[in-house]
Amino acid sequence: MKKDLSGLIQELGACPEKQSYLFNECNEWANILVEYKLTQKTAQSAQYKLEQMVEQRTNDLLDLYLLAQSLQDDAWLESIRKRLQQIGAQMKY
């Protein structure tokens, strides 16, 4: 996440205009955490729910990957690869 946040800050430049930006729109792990927080009900089911959400999002991205591959859309493929890597990097911990 740190790499993506640093990249976003760098992309905005030294004197960015005042604006709202949702980091979860550019980082898959942040997106999963936001969705998790919105649906969290009990501490007992928290870990299970998070694992379910990670699995569902990974499956969704893999479906999109197959579609992008069939369309031979290299830019879309790279975007999906990056998102899958973001999830994978967090799951190591």
PDB file of N, CA and C in Angstrom:
ATOM      1  N   MET A   1       0.824  -1.182   0.000  1.00  0.00           N
ATOM      2  CA  MET A   1       0.000   0.000   0.000  1.00  0.00           C
ATOM      3  C   MET A   1       0.872   1.252   0.000  1.00  0.00           C
ATOM      4  N   LYS A   2       1.974   1.184   0.718  1.00  0.00           N
ATOM      5  CA  LYS A   2       2.845   2.352   0.821  1.00  0.00           C
ATOM      6  C   LYS A   2       3.326   2.800  -0.560  1.00  0.00           C
ATOM      7  N   LYS A   3       3.685   1.836  -1.404  1.00  0.00           N
ATOM      8  CA  LYS A   3       4.158   2.149  -2.752  1.00  0.00           C
ATOM      9  C   LYS A   3       3.067   2.859  -3.556  1.00  0.00           C
ATOM     10  N   ASP A   4       1.841   2.356  -3.467  1.00  0.00           N
ATOM     11  CA  ASP A   4       0.730   2.975  -4.202  1.00  0.00           C
ATOM     12  C   ASP A   4       0.402   4.362  -3.668  1.00  0.00           C
ATOM     13  N   LEU A   5       0.445   4.530  -2.359  1.00  0.00           N
ATOM     14  CA  LEU A   5       0.175   5.837  -1.772  1.00  0.00           C
ATOM     15  C   LEU A   5       1.268   6.831  -2.159  1.00  0.00           C
ATOM     16  N   SER A   6       2.518   6.385  -2.121  1.00  0.00           N
ATOM     17  CA  SER A   6       3.629   7.252  -2.543  1.00  0.00           C
ATOM     18  C   SER A   6       3.469   7.651  -4.007  1.00  0.00           C
ATOM     19  N   GLY A   7       3.066   6.691  -4.845  1.00  0.00           N
ATOM     20  CA  GLY A   7       2.851   6.977  -6.261  1.00  0.00           C
ATOM     21  C   GLY A   7       1.740   7.986  -6.475  1.00  0.00           C
ATOM     22  N   LEU A   8       0.679   7.867  -5.704  1.00  0.00           N
ATOM     23  CA  LEU A   8      -0.432   8.807  -5.801  1.00  0.00           C
ATOM     24  C   LEU A   8       0.018  10.210  -5.401  1.00  0.00           C
ATOM     25  N   ILE A   9       0.747  10.308  -4.302  1.00  0.00           N
ATOM     26  CA  ILE A   9       1.249  11.608  -3.844  1.00  0.00           C
ATOM     27  C   ILE A   9       2.152  12.233  -4.906  1.00  0.00           C
ATOM     28  N   GLN A  10       3.012  11.408  -5.481  1.00  0.00           N
ATOM     29  CA  GLN A  10       3.924  11.902  -6.516  1.00  0.00           C
ATOM     30  C   GLN A  10       3.143  12.352  -7.752  1.00  0.00           C
ATOM     31  N   GLU A  11       2.116  11.606  -8.094  1.00  0.00           N
ATOM     32  CA  GLU A  11       1.282  11.933  -9.249  1.00  0.00           C
ATOM     33  C   GLU A  11       0.570  13.276  -9.071  1.00  0.00           C
ATOM     34  N   LEU A  12       0.172  13.582  -7.837  1.00  0.00           N
ATOM     35  CA  LEU A  12      -0.524  14.839  -7.572  1.00  0.00           C
ATOM     36  C   LEU A  12       0.397  16.047  -7.651  1.00  0.00           C
ATOM     37  N   GLY A  13       1.704  15.832  -7.460  1.00  0.00           N
ATOM     38  CA  GLY A  13       2.665  16.921  -7.586  1.00  0.00           C
ATOM     39  C   GLY A  13       2.875  17.696  -6.297  1.00  0.00           C
ATOM     40  N   ALA A  14       3.742  18.699  -6.374  1.00  0.00           N
ATOM     41  CA  ALA A  14       4.155  19.463  -5.201  1.00  0.00           C
ATOM     42  C   ALA A  14       3.048  20.379  -4.661  1.00  0.00           C
ATOM     43  N   CYS A  15       2.243  20.926  -5.542  1.00  0.00           N
ATOM     44  CA  CYS A  15       1.185  21.852  -5.122  1.00  0.00           C
ATOM     45  C   CYS A  15      -0.153  21.445  -5.740  1.00  0.00           C
ATOM     46  N   PRO A  16      -0.714  20.357  -5.268  1.00  0.00           N
ATOM     47  CA  PRO A  16      -1.981  19.904  -5.867  1.00  0.00           C
ATOM     48  C   PRO A  16      -3.148  20.804  -5.472  1.00  0.00           C
ATOM     49  N   GLU A  17      -4.138  20.836  -6.341  1.00  0.00           N
ATOM     50  CA  GLU A  17      -5.371  21.548  -6.018  1.00  0.00           C
ATOM     51  C   GLU A  17      -6.074  20.820  -4.885  1.00  0.00           C
ATOM     52  N   LYS A  18      -6.868  21.542  -4.118  1.00  0.00           N
ATOM     53  CA  LYS A  18      -7.652  20.917  -3.064  1.00  0.00           C
ATOM     54  C   LYS A  18      -8.720  20.046  -3.723  1.00  0.00           C
ATOM     55  N   GLN A  19      -8.764  18.769  -3.302  1.00  0.00           N
ATOM     56  CA  GLN A  19      -9.715  17.844  -3.888  1.00  0.00           C
ATOM     57  C   GLN A  19      -9.914  16.652  -2.965  1.00  0.00           C
ATOM     58  N   SER A  20     -10.958  15.933  -3.206  1.00  0.00           N
ATOM     59  CA  SER A  20     -11.203  14.690  -2.466  1.00  0.00           C
ATOM     60  C   SER A  20     -10.755  13.536  -3.344  1.00  0.00           C
ATOM     61  N   TYR A  21     -10.126  12.551  -2.720  1.00  0.00           N
ATOM     62  CA  TYR A  21      -9.661  11.401  -3.472  1.00  0.00           C
ATOM     63  C   TYR A  21      -9.840  10.156  -2.618  1.00  0.00           C
ATOM     64  N   LEU A  22     -10.460   9.139  -3.157  1.00  0.00           N
ATOM     65  CA  LEU A  22     -10.677   7.899  -2.434  1.00  0.00           C
ATOM     66  C   LEU A  22      -9.570   6.913  -2.808  1.00  0.00           C
ATOM     67  N   PHE A  23      -8.670   6.662  -1.856  1.00  0.00           N
ATOM     68  CA  PHE A  23      -7.539   5.782  -2.109  1.00  0.00           C
ATOM     69  C   PHE A  23      -8.000   4.376  -2.467  1.00  0.00           C
ATOM     70  N   ASN A  24      -9.125   3.964  -1.933  1.00  0.00           N
ATOM     71  CA  ASN A  24      -9.611   2.619  -2.226  1.00  0.00           C
ATOM     72  C   ASN A  24     -10.010   2.450  -3.698  1.00  0.00           C
ATOM     73  N   GLU A  25     -10.073   3.521  -4.449  1.00  0.00           N
ATOM     74  CA  GLU A  25     -10.363   3.420  -5.877  1.00  0.00           C
ATOM     75  C   GLU A  25      -9.130   3.056  -6.692  1.00  0.00           C
ATOM     76  N   CYS A  26      -7.955   3.166  -6.080  1.00  0.00           N
ATOM     77  CA  CYS A  26      -6.742   2.816  -6.825  1.00  0.00           C
ATOM     78  C   CYS A  26      -5.933   1.717  -6.135  1.00  0.00           C
ATOM     79  N   ASN A  27      -6.387   1.224  -5.005  1.00  0.00           N
ATOM     80  CA  ASN A  27      -5.672   0.154  -4.314  1.00  0.00           C
ATOM     81  C   ASN A  27      -6.676  -0.905  -3.874  1.00  0.00           C
ATOM     82  N   GLU A  28      -6.472  -2.118  -4.362  1.00  0.00           N
ATOM     83  CA  GLU A  28      -7.420  -3.201  -4.092  1.00  0.00           C
ATOM     84  C   GLU A  28      -7.487  -3.566  -2.615  1.00  0.00           C
ATOM     85  N   TRP A  29      -6.356  -3.573  -1.931  1.00  0.00           N
ATOM     86  CA  TRP A  29      -6.380  -3.935  -0.513  1.00  0.00           C
ATOM     87  C   TRP A  29      -7.170  -2.889   0.277  1.00  0.00           C
ATOM     88  N   ALA A  30      -6.968  -1.627  -0.023  1.00  0.00           N
ATOM     89  CA  ALA A  30      -7.723  -0.566   0.644  1.00  0.00           C
ATOM     90  C   ALA A  30      -9.216  -0.719   0.349  1.00  0.00           C
ATOM     91  N   ASN A  31      -9.550  -1.101  -0.875  1.00  0.00           N
ATOM     92  CA  ASN A  31     -10.945  -1.292  -1.244  1.00  0.00           C
ATOM     93  C   ASN A  31     -11.576  -2.440  -0.437  1.00  0.00           C
ATOM     94  N   ILE A  32     -10.848  -3.533  -0.295  1.00  0.00           N
ATOM     95  CA  ILE A  32     -11.357  -4.662   0.486  1.00  0.00           C
ATOM     96  C   ILE A  32     -11.569  -4.250   1.940  1.00  0.00           C
ATOM     97  N   LEU A  33     -10.633  -3.499   2.500  1.00  0.00           N
ATOM     98  CA  LEU A  33     -10.763  -3.061   3.889  1.00  0.00           C
ATOM     99  C   LEU A  33     -11.966  -2.138   4.087  1.00  0.00           C
ATOM    100  N   VAL A  34     -12.213  -1.257   3.134  1.00  0.00           N
ATOM    101  CA  VAL A  34     -13.380  -0.363   3.221  1.00  0.00           C
ATOM    102  C   VAL A  34     -14.663  -1.192   3.175  1.00  0.00           C
ATOM    103  N   GLU A  35     -14.743  -2.122   2.223  1.00  0.00           N
ATOM    104  CA  GLU A  35     -15.925  -2.973   2.121  1.00  0.00           C
ATOM    105  C   GLU A  35     -16.104  -3.820   3.378  1.00  0.00           C
ATOM    106  N   TYR A  36     -15.022  -4.318   3.898  1.00  0.00           N
ATOM    107  CA  TYR A  36     -15.052  -5.124   5.118  1.00  0.00           C
ATOM    108  C   TYR A  36     -15.614  -4.316   6.287  1.00  0.00           C
ATOM    109  N   LYS A  37     -15.132  -3.111   6.439  1.00  0.00           N
ATOM    110  CA  LYS A  37     -15.590  -2.255   7.537  1.00  0.00           C
ATOM    111  C   LYS A  37     -17.083  -1.946   7.410  1.00  0.00           C
ATOM    112  N   LEU A  38     -17.539  -1.758   6.200  1.00  0.00           N
ATOM    113  CA  LEU A  38     -18.952  -1.452   5.977  1.00  0.00           C
ATOM    114  C   LEU A  38     -19.861  -2.635   6.292  1.00  0.00           C
ATOM    115  N   THR A  39     -19.334  -3.858   6.200  1.00  0.00           N
ATOM    116  CA  THR A  39     -20.170  -5.037   6.419  1.00  0.00           C
ATOM    117  C   THR A  39     -19.876  -5.764   7.727  1.00  0.00           C
ATOM    118  N   GLN A  40     -18.905  -5.309   8.477  1.00  0.00           N
ATOM    119  CA  GLN A  40     -18.509  -5.992   9.711  1.00  0.00           C
ATOM    120  C   GLN A  40     -19.632  -5.930  10.749  1.00  0.00           C
ATOM    121  N   LYS A  41     -19.944  -7.082  11.348  1.00  0.00           N
ATOM    122  CA  LYS A  41     -21.001  -7.130  12.358  1.00  0.00           C
ATOM    123  C   LYS A  41     -20.476  -7.623  13.703  1.00  0.00           C
ATOM    124  N   THR A  42     -19.756  -8.718  13.707  1.00  0.00           N
ATOM    125  CA  THR A  42     -19.259  -9.263  14.969  1.00  0.00           C
ATOM    126  C   THR A  42     -17.774  -9.566  14.857  1.00  0.00           C
ATOM    127  N   ALA A  43     -17.094  -9.522  15.979  1.00  0.00           N
ATOM    128  CA  ALA A  43     -15.659  -9.808  16.002  1.00  0.00           C
ATOM    129  C   ALA A  43     -15.383 -11.266  15.655  1.00  0.00           C
ATOM    130  N   GLN A  44     -16.291 -12.169  16.030  1.00  0.00           N
ATOM    131  CA  GLN A  44     -16.087 -13.591  15.760  1.00  0.00           C
ATOM    132  C   GLN A  44     -16.023 -13.886  14.271  1.00  0.00           C
ATOM    133  N   SER A  45     -16.858 -13.254  13.523  1.00  0.00           N
ATOM    134  CA  SER A  45     -16.895 -13.537  12.088  1.00  0.00           C
ATOM    135  C   SER A  45     -15.982 -12.626  11.281  1.00  0.00           C
ATOM    136  N   ALA A  46     -15.267 -11.746  11.931  1.00  0.00           N
ATOM    137  CA  ALA A  46     -14.463 -10.751  11.227  1.00  0.00           C
ATOM    138  C   ALA A  46     -13.419 -11.380  10.320  1.00  0.00           C
ATOM    139  N   GLN A  47     -12.623 -12.290  10.831  1.00  0.00           N
ATOM    140  CA  GLN A  47     -11.561 -12.912  10.027  1.00  0.00           C
ATOM    141  C   GLN A  47     -12.152 -13.693   8.861  1.00  0.00           C
ATOM    142  N   TYR A  48     -13.192 -14.456   9.143  1.00  0.00           N
ATOM    143  CA  TYR A  48     -13.839 -15.241   8.094  1.00  0.00           C
ATOM    144  C   TYR A  48     -14.400 -14.329   7.003  1.00  0.00           C
ATOM    145  N   LYS A  49     -15.059 -13.256   7.409  1.00  0.00           N
ATOM    146  CA  LYS A  49     -15.646 -12.321   6.445  1.00  0.00           C
ATOM    147  C   LYS A  49     -14.569 -11.690   5.573  1.00  0.00           C
ATOM    148  N   LEU A  50     -13.465 -11.300   6.182  1.00  0.00           N
ATOM    149  CA  LEU A  50     -12.368 -10.700   5.418  1.00  0.00           C
ATOM    150  C   LEU A  50     -11.827 -11.706   4.403  1.00  0.00           C
ATOM    151  N   GLU A  51     -11.636 -12.937   4.822  1.00  0.00           N
ATOM    152  CA  GLU A  51     -11.149 -13.971   3.903  1.00  0.00           C
ATOM    153  C   GLU A  51     -12.127 -14.190   2.755  1.00  0.00           C
ATOM    154  N   GLN A  52     -13.418 -14.184   3.058  1.00  0.00           N
ATOM    155  CA  GLN A  52     -14.446 -14.320   2.023  1.00  0.00           C
ATOM    156  C   GLN A  52     -14.368 -13.171   1.024  1.00  0.00           C
ATOM    157  N   MET A  53     -14.207 -11.964   1.532  1.00  0.00           N
ATOM    158  CA  MET A  53     -14.166 -10.790   0.668  1.00  0.00           C
ATOM    159  C   MET A  53     -12.936 -10.816  -0.234  1.00  0.00           C
ATOM    160  N   VAL A  54     -11.801 -11.224   0.328  1.00  0.00           N
ATOM    161  CA  VAL A  54     -10.573 -11.318  -0.463  1.00  0.00           C
ATOM    162  C   VAL A  54     -10.756 -12.359  -1.570  1.00  0.00           C
ATOM    163  N   GLU A  55     -11.313 -13.502  -1.214  1.00  0.00           N
ATOM    164  CA  GLU A  55     -11.527 -14.561  -2.193  1.00  0.00           C
ATOM    165  C   GLU A  55     -12.488 -14.110  -3.288  1.00  0.00           C
ATOM    166  N   GLN A  56     -13.581 -13.446  -2.906  1.00  0.00           N
ATOM    167  CA  GLN A  56     -14.560 -12.985  -3.897  1.00  0.00           C
ATOM    168  C   GLN A  56     -13.954 -11.951  -4.837  1.00  0.00           C
ATOM    169  N   ARG A  57     -13.215 -11.001  -4.280  1.00  0.00           N
ATOM    170  CA  ARG A  57     -12.620  -9.961  -5.127  1.00  0.00           C
ATOM    171  C   ARG A  57     -11.573 -10.558  -6.052  1.00  0.00           C
ATOM    172  N   THR A  58     -10.795 -11.508  -5.557  1.00  0.00           N
ATOM    173  CA  THR A  58      -9.797 -12.176  -6.393  1.00  0.00           C
ATOM    174  C   THR A  58     -10.485 -12.910  -7.542  1.00  0.00           C
ATOM    175  N   ASN A  59     -11.560 -13.615  -7.242  1.00  0.00           N
ATOM    176  CA  ASN A  59     -12.304 -14.314  -8.291  1.00  0.00           C
ATOM    177  C   ASN A  59     -12.882 -13.347  -9.316  1.00  0.00           C
ATOM    178  N   ASP A  60     -13.401 -12.220  -8.845  1.00  0.00           N
ATOM    179  CA  ASP A  60     -13.934 -11.197  -9.755  1.00  0.00           C
ATOM    180  C   ASP A  60     -12.841 -10.684 -10.694  1.00  0.00           C
ATOM    181  N   LEU A  61     -11.672 -10.407 -10.117  1.00  0.00           N
ATOM    182  CA  LEU A  61     -10.558  -9.904 -10.924  1.00  0.00           C
ATOM    183  C   LEU A  61     -10.075 -10.961 -11.917  1.00  0.00           C
ATOM    184  N   LEU A  62     -10.054 -12.212 -11.509  1.00  0.00           N
ATOM    185  CA  LEU A  62      -9.653 -13.278 -12.433  1.00  0.00           C
ATOM    186  C   LEU A  62     -10.650 -13.418 -13.580  1.00  0.00           C
ATOM    187  N   ASP A  63     -11.940 -13.254 -13.299  1.00  0.00           N
ATOM    188  CA  ASP A  63     -12.943 -13.261 -14.367  1.00  0.00           C
ATOM    189  C   ASP A  63     -12.700 -12.111 -15.344  1.00  0.00           C
ATOM    190  N   LEU A  64     -12.425 -10.936 -14.791  1.00  0.00           N
ATOM    191  CA  LEU A  64     -12.127  -9.779 -15.644  1.00  0.00           C
ATOM    192  C   LEU A  64     -10.854 -10.014 -16.458  1.00  0.00           C
ATOM    193  N   TYR A  65      -9.881 -10.682 -15.847  1.00  0.00           N
ATOM    194  CA  TYR A  65      -8.628 -10.982 -16.533  1.00  0.00           C
ATOM    195  C   TYR A  65      -8.891 -11.851 -17.763  1.00  0.00           C
ATOM    196  N   LEU A  66      -9.738 -12.864 -17.599  1.00  0.00           N
ATOM    197  CA  LEU A  66     -10.070 -13.728 -18.738  1.00  0.00           C
ATOM    198  C   LEU A  66     -10.766 -12.940 -19.848  1.00  0.00           C
ATOM    199  N   LEU A  67     -11.647 -12.027 -19.457  1.00  0.00           N
ATOM    200  CA  LEU A  67     -12.325 -11.195 -20.451  1.00  0.00           C
ATOM    201  C   LEU A  67     -11.325 -10.295 -21.176  1.00  0.00           C
ATOM    202  N   ALA A  68     -10.462  -9.638 -20.420  1.00  0.00           N
ATOM    203  CA  ALA A  68      -9.456  -8.750 -21.018  1.00  0.00           C
ATOM    204  C   ALA A  68      -8.523  -9.532 -21.933  1.00  0.00           C
ATOM    205  N   GLN A  69      -8.192 -10.751 -21.525  1.00  0.00           N
ATOM    206  CA  GLN A  69      -7.331 -11.604 -22.333  1.00  0.00           C
ATOM    207  C   GLN A  69      -8.023 -11.970 -23.653  1.00  0.00           C
ATOM    208  N   SER A  70      -9.304 -12.293 -23.595  1.00  0.00           N
ATOM    209  CA  SER A  70     -10.034 -12.653 -24.813  1.00  0.00           C
ATOM    210  C   SER A  70     -10.158 -11.456 -25.758  1.00  0.00           C
ATOM    211  N   LEU A  71     -10.176 -10.257 -25.189  1.00  0.00           N
ATOM    212  CA  LEU A  71     -10.248  -9.033 -25.995  1.00  0.00           C
ATOM    213  C   LEU A  71      -8.866  -8.537 -26.419  1.00  0.00           C
ATOM    214  N   GLN A  72      -7.835  -9.200 -25.921  1.00  0.00           N
ATOM    215  CA  GLN A  72      -6.445  -8.834 -26.194  1.00  0.00           C
ATOM    216  C   GLN A  72      -6.161  -7.378 -25.826  1.00  0.00           C
ATOM    217  N   ASP A  73      -6.678  -6.975 -24.686  1.00  0.00           N
ATOM    218  CA  ASP A  73      -6.513  -5.606 -24.187  1.00  0.00           C
ATOM    219  C   ASP A  73      -5.354  -5.583 -23.184  1.00  0.00           C
ATOM    220  N   ASP A  74      -4.168  -5.284 -23.683  1.00  0.00           N
ATOM    221  CA  ASP A  74      -2.958  -5.338 -22.861  1.00  0.00           C
ATOM    222  C   ASP A  74      -2.970  -4.349 -21.704  1.00  0.00           C
ATOM    223  N   ALA A  75      -3.509  -3.174 -21.924  1.00  0.00           N
ATOM    224  CA  ALA A  75      -3.557  -2.174 -20.850  1.00  0.00           C
ATOM    225  C   ALA A  75      -4.466  -2.649 -19.722  1.00  0.00           C
ATOM    226  N   TRP A  76      -5.587  -3.212 -20.067  1.00  0.00           N
ATOM    227  CA  TRP A  76      -6.531  -3.725 -19.067  1.00  0.00           C
ATOM    228  C   TRP A  76      -5.918  -4.911 -18.326  1.00  0.00           C
ATOM    229  N   LEU A  77      -5.237  -5.795 -19.066  1.00  0.00           N
ATOM    230  CA  LEU A  77      -4.564  -6.933 -18.443  1.00  0.00           C
ATOM    231  C   LEU A  77      -3.552  -6.460 -17.400  1.00  0.00           C
ATOM    232  N   GLU A  78      -2.782  -5.461 -17.755  1.00  0.00           N
ATOM    233  CA  GLU A  78      -1.767  -4.940 -16.827  1.00  0.00           C
ATOM    234  C   GLU A  78      -2.415  -4.323 -15.595  1.00  0.00           C
ATOM    235  N   SER A  79      -3.510  -3.609 -15.775  1.00  0.00           N
ATOM    236  CA  SER A  79      -4.234  -3.018 -14.652  1.00  0.00           C
ATOM    237  C   SER A  79      -4.745  -4.104 -13.700  1.00  0.00           C
ATOM    238  N   ILE A  80      -5.280  -5.170 -14.266  1.00  0.00           N
ATOM    239  CA  ILE A  80      -5.797  -6.267 -13.441  1.00  0.00           C
ATOM    240  C   ILE A  80      -4.660  -6.984 -12.731  1.00  0.00           C
ATOM    241  N   ARG A  81      -3.535  -7.201 -13.434  1.00  0.00           N
ATOM    242  CA  ARG A  81      -2.361  -7.821 -12.797  1.00  0.00           C
ATOM    243  C   ARG A  81      -1.917  -7.011 -11.584  1.00  0.00           C
ATOM    244  N   LYS A  82      -1.891  -5.695 -11.753  1.00  0.00           N
ATOM    245  CA  LYS A  82      -1.473  -4.821 -10.656  1.00  0.00           C
ATOM    246  C   LYS A  82      -2.414  -4.975  -9.456  1.00  0.00           C
ATOM    247  N   ARG A  83      -3.702  -5.028  -9.709  1.00  0.00           N
ATOM    248  CA  ARG A  83      -4.688  -5.169  -8.640  1.00  0.00           C
ATOM    249  C   ARG A  83      -4.547  -6.516  -7.923  1.00  0.00           C
ATOM    250  N   LEU A  84      -4.313  -7.582  -8.690  1.00  0.00           N
ATOM    251  CA  LEU A  84      -4.105  -8.889  -8.085  1.00  0.00           C
ATOM    252  C   LEU A  84      -2.830  -8.906  -7.232  1.00  0.00           C
ATOM    253  N   GLN A  85      -1.798  -8.214  -7.699  1.00  0.00           N
ATOM    254  CA  GLN A  85      -0.552  -8.124  -6.930  1.00  0.00           C
ATOM    255  C   GLN A  85      -0.762  -7.357  -5.629  1.00  0.00           C
ATOM    256  N   GLN A  86      -1.600  -6.329  -5.663  1.00  0.00           N
ATOM    257  CA  GLN A  86      -1.883  -5.562  -4.452  1.00  0.00           C
ATOM    258  C   GLN A  86      -2.525  -6.453  -3.396  1.00  0.00           C
ATOM    259  N   ILE A  87      -3.451  -7.282  -3.823  1.00  0.00           N
ATOM    260  CA  ILE A  87      -4.103  -8.199  -2.884  1.00  0.00           C
ATOM    261  C   ILE A  87      -3.101  -9.241  -2.387  1.00  0.00           C
ATOM    262  N   GLY A  88      -2.355  -9.815  -3.320  1.00  0.00           N
ATOM    263  CA  GLY A  88      -1.380 -10.842  -2.968  1.00  0.00           C
ATOM    264  C   GLY A  88      -0.324 -10.354  -2.010  1.00  0.00           C
ATOM    265  N   ALA A  89       0.114  -9.129  -2.171  1.00  0.00           N
ATOM    266  CA  ALA A  89       1.148  -8.573  -1.296  1.00  0.00           C
ATOM    267  C   ALA A  89       0.662  -8.488   0.137  1.00  0.00           C
ATOM    268  N   GLN A  90      -0.605  -8.177   0.340  1.00  0.00           N
ATOM    269  CA  GLN A  90      -1.148  -8.063   1.691  1.00  0.00           C
ATOM    270  C   GLN A  90      -1.436  -9.420   2.316  1.00  0.00           C
ATOM    271  N   MET A  91      -1.729 -10.409   1.492  1.00  0.00           N
ATOM    272  CA  MET A  91      -2.079 -11.720   2.012  1.00  0.00           C
ATOM    273  C   MET A  91      -0.858 -12.483   2.515  1.00  0.00           C
ATOM    274  N   LYS A  92       0.340 -12.015   2.218  1.00  0.00           N
ATOM    275  CA  LYS A  92       1.559 -12.644   2.726  1.00  0.00           C
ATOM    276  C   LYS A  92       1.664 -12.473   4.234  1.00  0.00           C
ATOM    277  N   TYR A  93       1.026 -11.426   4.753  1.00  0.00           N
ATOM    278  CA  TYR A  93       1.142 -11.103   6.166  1.00  0.00           C
ATOM    279  C   TYR A  93       0.055 -11.792   6.887  1.00  0.00           C
TER     280      TYR A  93
END
